[in-house]
Amino acid sequence: MAGTKYATFFIIGFVIYTALMIFIGWYSSRGKSSGSDYLTGGGNLPIFLIFGTMGATLIGTGSSIGATANGFRSGWAGAAYGLGAALGIFVLVWFTKKMKLRSRGFTTMTEEAMYHYNGSQQMRMVMAIMMFIIEIVWLGNHMNGGATYLSFITGIDMVYAKLIMVLGFSIYILIGGYLAVVWTDFIQFIIICVGFVAITVVALSKAGGWTNIKDVITATGNAGNLSLYGVKTLGVMGLINLIFSIAIPMGGTPTYRLRIYTSKDDKSACKALSMSGIALFIFSFLPAIIGMAAYVIATKNNATEVLNNPDFSFTYIATSVLGPALGLVFMISGLSATLSSGDSDAIAAVNILLTDVYPIVTGGKHISEKKMTVWSRVATVGTLALAFVATLFANDVMSYITNVIGSIIPGVSVAMFVGALWKKATWQGGIAAVVGGTGFGIVFLLVPAVNDFILNTFKGPSIPATIISLVLVVVVSLATKNKILTHEERMKEIMDTRNPETL
């Protein structure tokens, strides 16, 4: 395998890099990694940290491996991930300003959903389960992406590569909790940006310059890849589906909300999110260019392994095109993108599991401050194990995002937005949106006939799942009675769920 050329060198680099992240995580979280601080970092985080951690989380597996692979396959379509994510983030910024999310004092997205639906305990229970599942799905995506690097580089089986990624995610999270995640994300964000800019310049040179890239892509019958966001290759509906399937989850993914809840205030949260959205949009063109350069180089070298599996294009550049030093920089940049997203989803999942899910299954008991750190670490191990199992059903990064994530999350996003913005929304309507949208997604994933019809018509499940969820929340809400509470009454319902008997 071509990827084993510098295998030992890259593995040593990966070990040293991981050790550095562990040290940063431990050092930055001293004094704020016990009790509830383990899950929130003490709250009140400044703009630069929220910007860094949000930027690193957004520039994750999809916008690095997945976008590079899409650039390899479909040219400028590789930048569509960044466009979709940026649009989703800008909508979230608007929503945060309008609803004053940070000022409400929520600690989890489940509490926010409970607030939007007039303190509904039923909505709280359904959303708690769904939020945890969503984070498992996202975490599995990042594991799958990181494992793709390691498998190609070392030649080891993908299952073992995924196990190594589990260890990579877990160690500094176990040591330092949320604050360790935030600070390592900030460092990784810098590494990602510098590394990708440098490698884009080198990749362009290795591919013979932009003019040669265009000539080769055109000569191989892929001129449509050079159109705006690859629309002539993907088709209009294909491009719309790709952008939408990435944008809609931004409103239903807990890890992004956690950044808002732990910001200093609403203004800081909105500014940090806006900056990260702009940064992602600009960044998104880099992996697309790298992917197109990789295609040209692989075509010239007849690298059939990469031509047959574009998910290897990112690692192909690092191992077979660049020298060992630049290859290591590129690999570390890519792993930073994967790890920074994975650790964020892992800590968000643990937060939901212990704050929301645990009280539901124990009849209202909460974990005491004294025991929170230990239980958080146990929950981290369990969460990563579940995500590992989820990755066993994933083949490539972008299909995982557009199909699995596009199937599961739209119902939650619709329920959150409609519940907050439409006064007539009832908890029954909200649950109908979540269950109906998710149910449709599961049918899409499991029933071949439905899968084929949706792919042929909509190119993916996210658009029909959103439409179904929207129809259900409106119809069911109009058919049920709406109980409207004041702001104070809603917050009292939320606070009552925080202070029951403790374990």
Protein backbone atom coordinates (compact mmCIF):
# COMPACT_ATOMS: atom_id res chain seq x y z
CA MET A 1 0.00 0.00 0.00
CA ALA A 2 1.36 3.41 -0.95
CA GLY A 3 0.31 4.87 2.33
CA THR A 4 2.85 2.80 4.29
CA LYS A 5 5.79 4.70 2.76
CA TYR A 6 6.37 6.82 5.86
CA ALA A 7 4.23 4.74 8.22
CA THR A 8 6.65 4.56 11.14
CA PHE A 9 7.49 8.26 10.92
CA PHE A 10 3.81 9.22 10.87
CA ILE A 11 2.90 6.93 13.74
CA ILE A 12 5.66 8.41 15.90
CA GLY A 13 4.44 11.89 14.96
CA PHE A 14 0.87 10.94 15.87
CA VAL A 15 1.95 9.63 19.28
CA ILE A 16 3.96 12.78 20.04
CA TYR A 17 1.10 15.00 18.90
CA THR A 18 -1.42 13.11 21.04
CA ALA A 19 0.91 13.39 24.05
CA LEU A 20 1.12 17.16 23.47
CA MET A 21 -2.68 17.44 23.39
CA ILE A 22 -2.89 15.45 26.61
CA PHE A 23 -0.47 17.84 28.29
CA ILE A 24 -2.34 20.91 27.04
CA GLY A 25 -5.64 19.40 28.17
CA TRP A 26 -4.30 18.65 31.63
CA TYR A 27 -2.52 21.98 32.07
CA SER A 28 -5.42 24.14 30.87
CA SER A 29 -8.05 22.41 33.00
CA ARG A 30 -6.28 22.47 36.35
CA GLY A 31 -8.72 23.53 39.06
CA LYS A 32 -11.75 23.37 36.75
CA SER A 33 -12.14 19.66 36.03
CA SER A 34 -14.17 18.55 39.02
CA GLY A 35 -17.91 18.40 39.65
CA SER A 36 -20.12 20.11 37.09
CA ASP A 37 -17.10 22.14 35.89
CA TYR A 38 -15.92 18.93 34.23
CA LEU A 39 -18.83 19.23 31.77
CA THR A 40 -19.00 23.03 31.39
CA GLY A 41 -15.50 24.35 32.09
CA GLY A 42 -17.01 26.71 34.63
CA GLY A 43 -18.97 28.58 31.93
CA ASN A 44 -18.31 32.26 31.12
CA LEU A 45 -15.75 31.46 28.40
CA PRO A 46 -14.26 34.39 26.41
CA ILE A 47 -14.84 35.05 22.70
CA PHE A 48 -11.45 33.79 21.53
CA LEU A 49 -11.95 30.38 23.13
CA ILE A 50 -15.51 29.99 21.84
CA PHE A 51 -14.35 31.09 18.37
CA GLY A 52 -11.42 28.67 18.45
CA THR A 53 -13.37 25.68 19.69
CA MET A 54 -16.33 26.38 17.39
CA GLY A 55 -14.06 26.90 14.40
CA ALA A 56 -12.15 23.71 15.11
CA THR A 57 -15.39 21.78 15.62
CA LEU A 58 -16.87 23.05 12.35
CA ILE A 59 -13.67 22.32 10.42
CA GLY A 60 -14.01 18.67 11.27
CA THR A 61 -14.14 15.37 9.47
CA GLY A 62 -16.66 16.46 6.84
CA SER A 63 -14.85 19.65 5.91
CA SER A 64 -11.43 17.99 5.79
CA ILE A 65 -11.53 14.34 4.68
CA GLY A 66 -15.05 14.48 3.28
CA ALA A 67 -14.57 17.79 1.46
CA THR A 68 -11.22 16.70 0.03
CA ALA A 69 -12.79 13.47 -1.21
CA ASN A 70 -15.67 15.46 -2.71
CA GLY A 71 -13.15 17.76 -4.36
CA PHE A 72 -11.43 14.69 -5.80
CA ARG A 73 -14.76 13.31 -7.12
CA SER A 74 -16.66 16.47 -8.03
CA GLY A 75 -14.26 19.43 -8.01
CA TRP A 76 -15.70 22.61 -6.51
CA ALA A 77 -18.46 20.55 -4.91
CA GLY A 78 -15.87 19.94 -2.21
CA ALA A 79 -16.51 23.50 -1.00
CA ALA A 80 -20.25 22.89 -0.63
CA TYR A 81 -19.79 21.46 2.87
CA GLY A 82 -18.43 24.78 4.07
CA LEU A 83 -21.21 26.72 2.39
CA GLY A 84 -23.91 24.55 3.96
CA ALA A 85 -22.35 24.64 7.42
CA ALA A 86 -21.80 28.41 7.26
CA LEU A 87 -25.44 29.00 6.25
CA GLY A 88 -26.58 26.81 9.12
CA ILE A 89 -24.38 28.68 11.58
CA PHE A 90 -25.63 32.09 10.43
CA VAL A 91 -29.22 30.93 10.98
CA LEU A 92 -28.19 29.73 14.45
CA VAL A 93 -26.64 33.15 15.17
CA TRP A 94 -29.89 34.86 14.20
CA PHE A 95 -31.84 32.41 16.35
CA THR A 96 -29.51 32.95 19.33
CA LYS A 97 -29.98 36.73 19.12
CA LYS A 98 -33.75 36.48 18.78
CA MET A 99 -34.23 33.97 21.60
CA LYS A 100 -31.39 35.25 23.85
CA LEU A 101 -30.29 31.66 24.39
CA ARG A 102 -27.27 32.43 26.59
CA SER A 103 -29.26 34.73 28.84
CA ARG A 104 -31.76 31.96 29.58
CA GLY A 105 -29.12 30.02 31.49
CA PHE A 106 -29.69 26.67 29.77
CA THR A 107 -27.13 23.95 30.38
CA THR A 108 -28.28 21.50 27.72
CA MET A 109 -30.31 21.56 24.52
CA THR A 110 -32.92 19.41 26.25
CA GLU A 111 -33.61 22.25 28.69
CA GLU A 112 -33.94 24.64 25.77
CA ALA A 113 -36.47 22.33 24.08
CA MET A 114 -38.38 22.06 27.34
CA TYR A 115 -38.52 25.87 27.52
CA HIS A 116 -39.78 26.27 23.95
CA TYR A 117 -42.57 23.78 24.62
CA ASN A 118 -43.88 25.40 27.80
CA GLY A 119 -41.97 23.28 30.30
CA SER A 120 -43.16 19.97 28.82
CA GLN A 121 -41.66 16.99 30.62
CA GLN A 122 -42.71 14.76 27.71
CA MET A 123 -40.70 16.87 25.28
CA ARG A 124 -37.78 16.82 27.69
CA MET A 125 -37.72 13.03 27.78
CA VAL A 126 -37.96 12.54 24.02
CA MET A 127 -35.36 15.20 23.25
CA ALA A 128 -32.92 13.88 25.85
CA ILE A 129 -32.82 10.51 24.12
CA MET A 130 -32.63 12.04 20.66
CA MET A 131 -29.85 14.48 21.60
CA PHE A 132 -27.73 11.64 22.92
CA ILE A 133 -28.31 9.58 19.78
CA ILE A 134 -27.40 12.56 17.59
CA GLU A 135 -24.09 13.04 19.37
CA ILE A 136 -23.31 9.33 19.04
CA VAL A 137 -23.98 9.59 15.29
CA TRP A 138 -21.71 12.65 14.91
CA LEU A 139 -18.99 11.12 17.07
CA GLY A 140 -19.09 7.98 14.95
CA ASN A 141 -18.58 10.13 11.88
CA HIS A 142 -15.39 11.65 13.31
CA MET A 143 -14.05 8.27 14.36
CA ASN A 144 -14.68 6.93 10.89
CA GLY A 145 -12.85 9.85 9.30
CA GLY A 146 -9.81 9.64 11.56
CA ALA A 147 -9.63 5.89 11.10
CA THR A 148 -9.49 6.41 7.33
CA TYR A 149 -6.25 8.35 7.82
CA LEU A 150 -4.64 5.73 10.00
CA SER A 151 -5.77 2.76 7.93
CA PHE A 152 -4.27 4.17 4.76
CA ILE A 153 -1.08 5.34 6.44
CA THR A 154 -0.32 2.15 8.34
CA GLY A 155 -2.15 -0.52 6.38
CA ILE A 156 -3.94 -1.76 9.49
CA ASP A 157 -7.54 -2.94 9.42
CA MET A 158 -10.18 -0.18 9.70
CA VAL A 159 -11.62 -1.70 12.87
CA TYR A 160 -8.28 -1.41 14.67
CA ALA A 161 -7.80 2.09 13.28
CA LYS A 162 -11.17 3.06 14.76
CA LEU A 163 -10.12 1.66 18.14
CA ILE A 164 -6.99 3.82 18.03
CA MET A 165 -9.15 6.86 17.31
CA VAL A 166 -11.29 6.02 20.35
CA LEU A 167 -8.15 6.25 22.46
CA GLY A 168 -7.16 9.48 20.71
CA PHE A 169 -10.51 11.09 21.58
CA SER A 170 -10.73 9.80 25.11
CA ILE A 171 -7.48 10.40 26.95
CA TYR A 172 -7.40 14.18 27.34
CA ILE A 173 -11.18 14.32 27.72
CA LEU A 174 -10.92 11.90 30.64
CA ILE A 175 -8.19 14.00 32.20
CA GLY A 176 -9.57 17.52 31.82
CA GLY A 177 -13.20 17.46 30.67
CA TYR A 178 -14.79 20.37 28.77
CA LEU A 179 -12.06 22.93 29.44
CA ALA A 180 -9.46 20.52 28.09
CA VAL A 181 -11.60 20.13 24.97
CA VAL A 182 -11.93 23.89 24.49
CA TRP A 183 -8.23 24.67 24.87
CA THR A 184 -7.04 21.75 22.71
CA ASP A 185 -9.61 22.79 20.10
CA PHE A 186 -8.16 26.32 20.11
CA ILE A 187 -4.63 24.99 19.50
CA GLN A 188 -5.89 22.56 16.88
CA PHE A 189 -7.76 25.33 15.08
CA ILE A 190 -4.50 27.22 14.59
CA ILE A 191 -2.77 24.05 13.38
CA ILE A 192 -5.60 23.30 10.94
CA CYS A 193 -5.61 26.75 9.36
CA VAL A 194 -1.83 27.06 8.99
CA GLY A 195 -1.43 23.48 7.82
CA PHE A 196 -4.14 23.58 5.16
CA VAL A 197 -2.98 26.89 3.70
CA ALA A 198 0.58 25.59 3.42
CA ILE A 199 -0.44 22.27 1.90
CA THR A 200 -2.79 23.90 -0.61
CA VAL A 201 0.10 25.94 -1.97
CA VAL A 202 2.33 22.85 -2.19
CA ALA A 203 -0.41 20.66 -3.69
CA LEU A 204 -1.08 23.21 -6.43
CA SER A 205 2.62 23.24 -7.29
CA LYS A 206 2.88 19.43 -7.31
CA ALA A 207 -0.14 19.22 -9.62
CA GLY A 208 1.48 21.59 -12.13
CA GLY A 209 -0.48 24.71 -11.21
CA TRP A 210 -4.14 25.65 -11.53
CA THR A 211 -4.08 25.78 -15.33
CA ASN A 212 -2.84 22.19 -15.52
CA ILE A 213 -5.45 21.06 -12.98
CA LYS A 214 -8.22 22.54 -15.14
CA ASP A 215 -6.76 20.97 -18.30
CA VAL A 216 -6.51 17.48 -16.79
CA ILE A 217 -9.97 17.59 -15.24
CA THR A 218 -11.43 18.71 -18.57
CA ALA A 219 -9.42 16.15 -20.57
CA THR A 220 -10.68 13.28 -18.39
CA GLY A 221 -14.28 14.21 -19.11
CA ASN A 222 -14.99 15.95 -15.79
CA ALA A 223 -15.34 19.56 -16.90
CA GLY A 224 -18.52 19.83 -14.82
CA ASN A 225 -16.33 19.62 -11.70
CA LEU A 226 -15.09 23.13 -12.47
CA SER A 227 -18.57 24.67 -12.44
CA LEU A 228 -19.94 26.66 -9.49
CA TYR A 229 -19.89 24.24 -6.54
CA GLY A 230 -19.75 21.40 -9.08
CA VAL A 231 -23.40 21.91 -10.02
CA LYS A 232 -22.89 20.53 -13.55
CA THR A 233 -21.61 17.30 -12.03
CA LEU A 234 -23.94 16.94 -9.06
CA GLY A 235 -27.00 18.45 -10.74
CA VAL A 236 -29.09 21.20 -9.16
CA MET A 237 -30.99 18.87 -6.83
CA GLY A 238 -27.81 17.02 -5.88
CA LEU A 239 -26.11 20.28 -4.88
CA ILE A 240 -29.18 21.55 -3.01
CA ASN A 241 -29.38 18.26 -1.11
CA LEU A 242 -25.69 18.34 -0.21
CA ILE A 243 -25.87 21.92 1.11
CA PHE A 244 -29.18 21.38 2.91
CA SER A 245 -28.11 18.09 4.51
CA ILE A 246 -25.20 19.94 6.10
CA ALA A 247 -27.06 23.16 6.99
CA ILE A 248 -30.13 21.67 8.70
CA PRO A 249 -28.18 19.67 11.36
CA MET A 250 -26.64 22.92 12.64
CA GLY A 251 -29.97 23.67 14.31
CA GLY A 252 -30.28 20.26 15.94
CA THR A 253 -26.77 19.36 17.08
CA PRO A 254 -26.14 19.79 20.84
CA THR A 255 -22.41 20.46 20.62
CA TYR A 256 -23.00 23.80 18.86
CA ARG A 257 -25.57 24.83 21.47
CA LEU A 258 -23.12 23.92 24.25
CA ARG A 259 -20.76 26.59 22.90
CA ILE A 260 -23.57 29.12 23.25
CA TYR A 261 -24.53 28.03 26.76
CA THR A 262 -20.93 28.30 28.00
CA SER A 263 -20.18 31.69 26.42
CA LYS A 264 -19.78 34.84 28.49
CA ASP A 265 -23.03 36.32 27.14
CA ASP A 266 -25.28 36.36 24.05
CA LYS A 267 -23.19 39.01 22.31
CA SER A 268 -20.00 36.99 22.76
CA ALA A 269 -21.69 33.81 21.58
CA CYS A 270 -23.09 35.43 18.44
CA LYS A 271 -19.83 37.14 17.58
CA ALA A 272 -17.80 33.95 18.06
CA LEU A 273 -20.26 31.87 16.01
CA SER A 274 -20.35 34.46 13.21
CA MET A 275 -16.56 34.55 13.06
CA SER A 276 -16.36 30.76 12.95
CA GLY A 277 -18.96 30.60 10.18
CA ILE A 278 -17.02 33.11 8.07
CA ALA A 279 -13.76 31.25 8.76
CA LEU A 280 -15.32 27.95 7.68
CA PHE A 281 -16.70 29.47 4.47
CA ILE A 282 -13.26 30.79 3.51
CA PHE A 283 -11.54 27.58 4.61
CA SER A 284 -13.92 25.39 2.58
CA PHE A 285 -12.21 26.21 -0.72
CA LEU A 286 -8.87 24.78 0.46
CA PRO A 287 -9.83 21.07 0.71
CA ALA A 288 -11.68 21.37 -2.62
CA ILE A 289 -8.48 22.60 -4.28
CA ILE A 290 -6.44 19.91 -2.52
CA GLY A 291 -8.89 17.27 -3.71
CA MET A 292 -8.68 18.45 -7.33
CA ALA A 293 -4.87 18.54 -7.10
CA ALA A 294 -4.91 15.00 -5.68
CA TYR A 295 -7.08 13.86 -8.60
CA VAL A 296 -4.62 15.25 -11.13
CA ILE A 297 -1.61 13.70 -9.39
CA ALA A 298 -3.34 10.34 -8.90
CA THR A 299 -4.40 10.30 -12.56
CA LYS A 300 -0.85 11.03 -13.68
CA ASN A 301 0.56 8.29 -11.42
CA ASN A 302 -2.29 5.84 -12.14
CA ALA A 303 -2.90 5.50 -8.40
CA THR A 304 -5.86 3.13 -8.77
CA GLU A 305 -6.32 2.66 -5.03
CA VAL A 306 -7.12 6.36 -4.63
CA LEU A 307 -9.00 6.68 -7.91
CA ASN A 308 -11.27 3.84 -6.77
CA ASN A 309 -11.68 5.22 -3.23
CA PRO A 310 -11.51 9.04 -3.11
CA ASP A 311 -11.80 8.97 0.70
CA PHE A 312 -8.10 8.11 0.60
CA SER A 313 -7.27 11.25 -1.40
CA PHE A 314 -6.47 13.32 1.68
CA THR A 315 -4.05 10.75 3.04
CA TYR A 316 -2.65 10.07 -0.44
CA ILE A 317 -1.44 13.66 -0.60
CA ALA A 318 0.21 13.32 2.82
CA THR A 319 1.92 9.98 2.20
CA SER A 320 2.67 9.72 -1.50
CA VAL A 321 2.88 13.27 -2.85
CA LEU A 322 4.49 15.30 -0.08
CA GLY A 323 7.77 14.48 1.61
CA PRO A 324 7.74 13.10 5.16
CA ALA A 325 7.97 16.50 6.88
CA LEU A 326 5.18 18.20 4.93
CA GLY A 327 3.22 14.95 4.95
CA LEU A 328 3.36 14.92 8.74
CA VAL A 329 2.17 18.55 8.86
CA PHE A 330 -0.75 17.63 6.63
CA MET A 331 -1.58 14.51 8.62
CA ILE A 332 -1.50 16.43 11.91
CA SER A 333 -3.72 19.14 10.39
CA GLY A 334 -6.24 16.53 9.31
CA LEU A 335 -6.16 14.68 12.60
CA SER A 336 -6.58 18.01 14.39
CA ALA A 337 -9.77 18.57 12.39
CA THR A 338 -11.07 15.12 13.30
CA LEU A 339 -10.03 15.13 16.95
CA SER A 340 -11.29 18.67 17.61
CA SER A 341 -14.74 17.74 16.34
CA GLY A 342 -14.81 14.34 17.97
CA ASP A 343 -13.85 15.51 21.44
CA SER A 344 -16.50 18.25 21.28
CA ASP A 345 -19.24 15.78 20.40
CA ALA A 346 -18.01 13.35 23.03
CA ILE A 347 -18.18 15.88 25.88
CA ALA A 348 -21.58 17.14 24.65
CA ALA A 349 -22.88 13.56 24.62
CA VAL A 350 -21.65 12.94 28.16
CA ASN A 351 -23.23 16.20 29.32
CA ILE A 352 -26.59 15.12 27.89
CA LEU A 353 -26.29 11.58 29.22
CA LEU A 354 -25.63 12.63 32.81
CA THR A 355 -27.68 15.84 32.95
CA ASP A 356 -30.74 14.74 30.98
CA VAL A 357 -30.87 11.00 30.31
CA TYR A 358 -29.72 9.76 33.70
CA PRO A 359 -32.51 11.54 35.66
CA ILE A 360 -35.09 10.09 33.27
CA VAL A 361 -34.02 6.47 33.72
CA THR A 362 -33.55 6.82 37.51
CA GLY A 363 -36.90 8.45 38.22
CA GLY A 364 -35.60 11.98 38.76
CA LYS A 365 -32.32 11.42 40.60
CA HIS A 366 -29.30 13.52 39.73
CA ILE A 367 -25.61 12.84 40.28
CA SER A 368 -24.09 14.87 43.10
CA GLU A 369 -21.26 17.34 42.54
CA LYS A 370 -18.93 15.09 44.50
CA LYS A 371 -19.48 12.13 42.20
CA MET A 372 -19.88 14.01 38.91
CA THR A 373 -16.24 13.76 37.79
CA VAL A 374 -16.04 9.99 38.26
CA TRP A 375 -19.39 9.39 36.60
CA SER A 376 -18.45 11.72 33.74
CA ARG A 377 -15.34 9.68 33.02
CA VAL A 378 -17.27 6.43 33.13
CA ALA A 379 -19.89 7.93 30.80
CA THR A 380 -17.15 9.09 28.41
CA VAL A 381 -15.87 5.54 28.03
CA GLY A 382 -19.38 4.20 27.46
CA THR A 383 -20.24 6.93 24.96
CA LEU A 384 -17.11 6.32 22.92
CA ALA A 385 -17.84 2.59 22.91
CA LEU A 386 -21.33 3.20 21.50
CA ALA A 387 -19.94 5.52 18.83
CA PHE A 388 -17.38 2.88 17.88
CA VAL A 389 -20.20 0.41 17.27
CA ALA A 390 -21.96 3.01 15.09
CA THR A 391 -18.87 3.35 12.88
CA LEU A 392 -18.97 -0.34 12.00
CA PHE A 393 -21.91 0.47 9.70
CA ALA A 394 -20.22 3.42 7.95
CA ASN A 395 -18.27 3.19 4.69
CA ASP A 396 -17.27 6.72 3.71
CA VAL A 397 -17.48 10.13 5.32
CA MET A 398 -19.77 12.15 3.06
CA SER A 399 -22.34 9.39 2.57
CA TYR A 400 -22.40 9.00 6.35
CA ILE A 401 -23.13 12.73 6.76
CA THR A 402 -25.68 13.08 3.96
CA ASN A 403 -27.48 9.78 4.59
CA VAL A 404 -27.20 8.86 8.28
CA ILE A 405 -27.01 12.36 9.76
CA GLY A 406 -29.38 13.70 7.11
CA SER A 407 -31.88 11.05 8.19
CA ILE A 408 -31.71 11.45 11.96
CA ILE A 409 -31.34 15.17 12.73
CA PRO A 410 -33.86 17.17 10.58
CA GLY A 411 -36.83 16.29 12.82
CA VAL A 412 -35.01 17.65 15.87
CA SER A 413 -33.99 20.86 14.07
CA VAL A 414 -37.56 21.47 12.91
CA ALA A 415 -38.95 20.86 16.41
CA MET A 416 -36.48 23.30 17.98
CA PHE A 417 -37.10 26.13 15.50
CA VAL A 418 -40.88 25.77 15.28
CA GLY A 419 -41.29 25.38 19.05
CA ALA A 420 -39.43 28.63 19.63
CA LEU A 421 -40.89 30.70 16.80
CA TRP A 422 -44.55 29.56 16.62
CA LYS A 423 -46.66 30.19 19.70
CA LYS A 424 -49.26 27.60 18.68
CA ALA A 425 -46.73 24.75 18.72
CA THR A 426 -47.60 22.07 21.28
CA TRP A 427 -45.44 19.42 22.85
CA GLN A 428 -47.46 16.79 21.00
CA GLY A 429 -46.59 18.52 17.72
CA GLY A 430 -42.93 18.74 18.69
CA ILE A 431 -42.76 15.04 19.51
CA ALA A 432 -44.57 14.22 16.26
CA ALA A 433 -41.90 16.16 14.32
CA VAL A 434 -39.05 14.37 16.08
CA VAL A 435 -40.53 10.88 15.94
CA GLY A 436 -41.99 11.28 12.44
CA GLY A 437 -38.84 12.79 10.93
CA THR A 438 -36.57 10.26 12.58
CA GLY A 439 -38.93 7.40 11.71
CA PHE A 440 -38.83 8.43 8.07
CA GLY A 441 -35.02 8.52 8.24
CA ILE A 442 -34.87 5.01 9.66
CA VAL A 443 -37.19 3.71 6.94
CA PHE A 444 -34.97 5.39 4.36
CA LEU A 445 -31.89 3.68 5.78
CA LEU A 446 -33.44 0.22 6.13
CA VAL A 447 -35.90 -0.19 3.24
CA PRO A 448 -34.13 -0.43 -0.16
CA ALA A 449 -37.19 0.57 -2.21
CA VAL A 450 -37.69 3.77 -0.18
CA ASN A 451 -33.95 4.44 -0.28
CA ASP A 452 -33.86 4.17 -4.07
CA PHE A 453 -36.91 6.39 -4.55
CA ILE A 454 -35.61 9.14 -2.24
CA LEU A 455 -32.13 9.11 -3.77
CA ASN A 456 -33.52 9.25 -7.29
CA THR A 457 -35.97 12.05 -6.43
CA PHE A 458 -34.26 14.18 -3.76
CA LYS A 459 -30.67 12.82 -3.90
CA GLY A 460 -30.80 12.31 -0.11
CA PRO A 461 -33.15 12.09 2.89
CA SER A 462 -32.68 15.49 4.55
CA ILE A 463 -35.16 17.50 2.46
CA PRO A 464 -38.11 15.03 2.64
CA ALA A 465 -37.37 14.39 6.35
CA THR A 466 -37.58 18.13 7.00
CA ILE A 467 -40.81 18.50 5.03
CA ILE A 468 -42.43 15.57 6.83
CA SER A 469 -41.36 16.92 10.23
CA LEU A 470 -42.66 20.40 9.43
CA VAL A 471 -46.04 19.10 8.28
CA LEU A 472 -46.38 16.91 11.38
CA VAL A 473 -45.55 19.64 13.90
CA VAL A 474 -48.07 22.02 12.31
CA VAL A 475 -50.91 19.52 11.85
CA VAL A 476 -50.57 17.87 15.26
CA SER A 477 -50.16 21.24 17.05
CA LEU A 478 -53.34 22.56 15.46
CA ALA A 479 -55.16 19.40 16.52
CA THR A 480 -54.06 19.58 20.18
CA LYS A 481 -54.49 22.06 22.99
CA ASN A 482 -51.69 24.50 23.68
CA LYS A 483 -50.73 25.34 27.26
CA ILE A 484 -48.83 28.64 27.37
CA LEU A 485 -46.63 29.44 30.37
CA THR A 486 -44.86 32.68 31.17
CA HIS A 487 -41.07 32.91 31.02
CA GLU A 488 -40.88 32.64 34.80
CA GLU A 489 -43.11 29.56 34.87
CA ARG A 490 -41.06 27.84 32.18
CA MET A 491 -37.78 28.54 33.99
CA LYS A 492 -39.28 27.23 37.23
CA GLU A 493 -40.15 23.96 35.47
CA ILE A 494 -36.57 23.70 34.25
CA MET A 495 -35.03 24.54 37.63
CA ASP A 496 -37.26 21.97 39.32
CA THR A 497 -35.71 19.27 37.14
CA ARG A 498 -32.20 20.35 38.19
CA ASN A 499 -32.68 20.08 41.92
CA PRO A 500 -34.27 16.75 42.77
CA GLU A 501 -32.80 13.97 44.90
CA THR A 502 -29.12 13.33 44.18
CA LEU A 503 -27.20 10.09 44.01
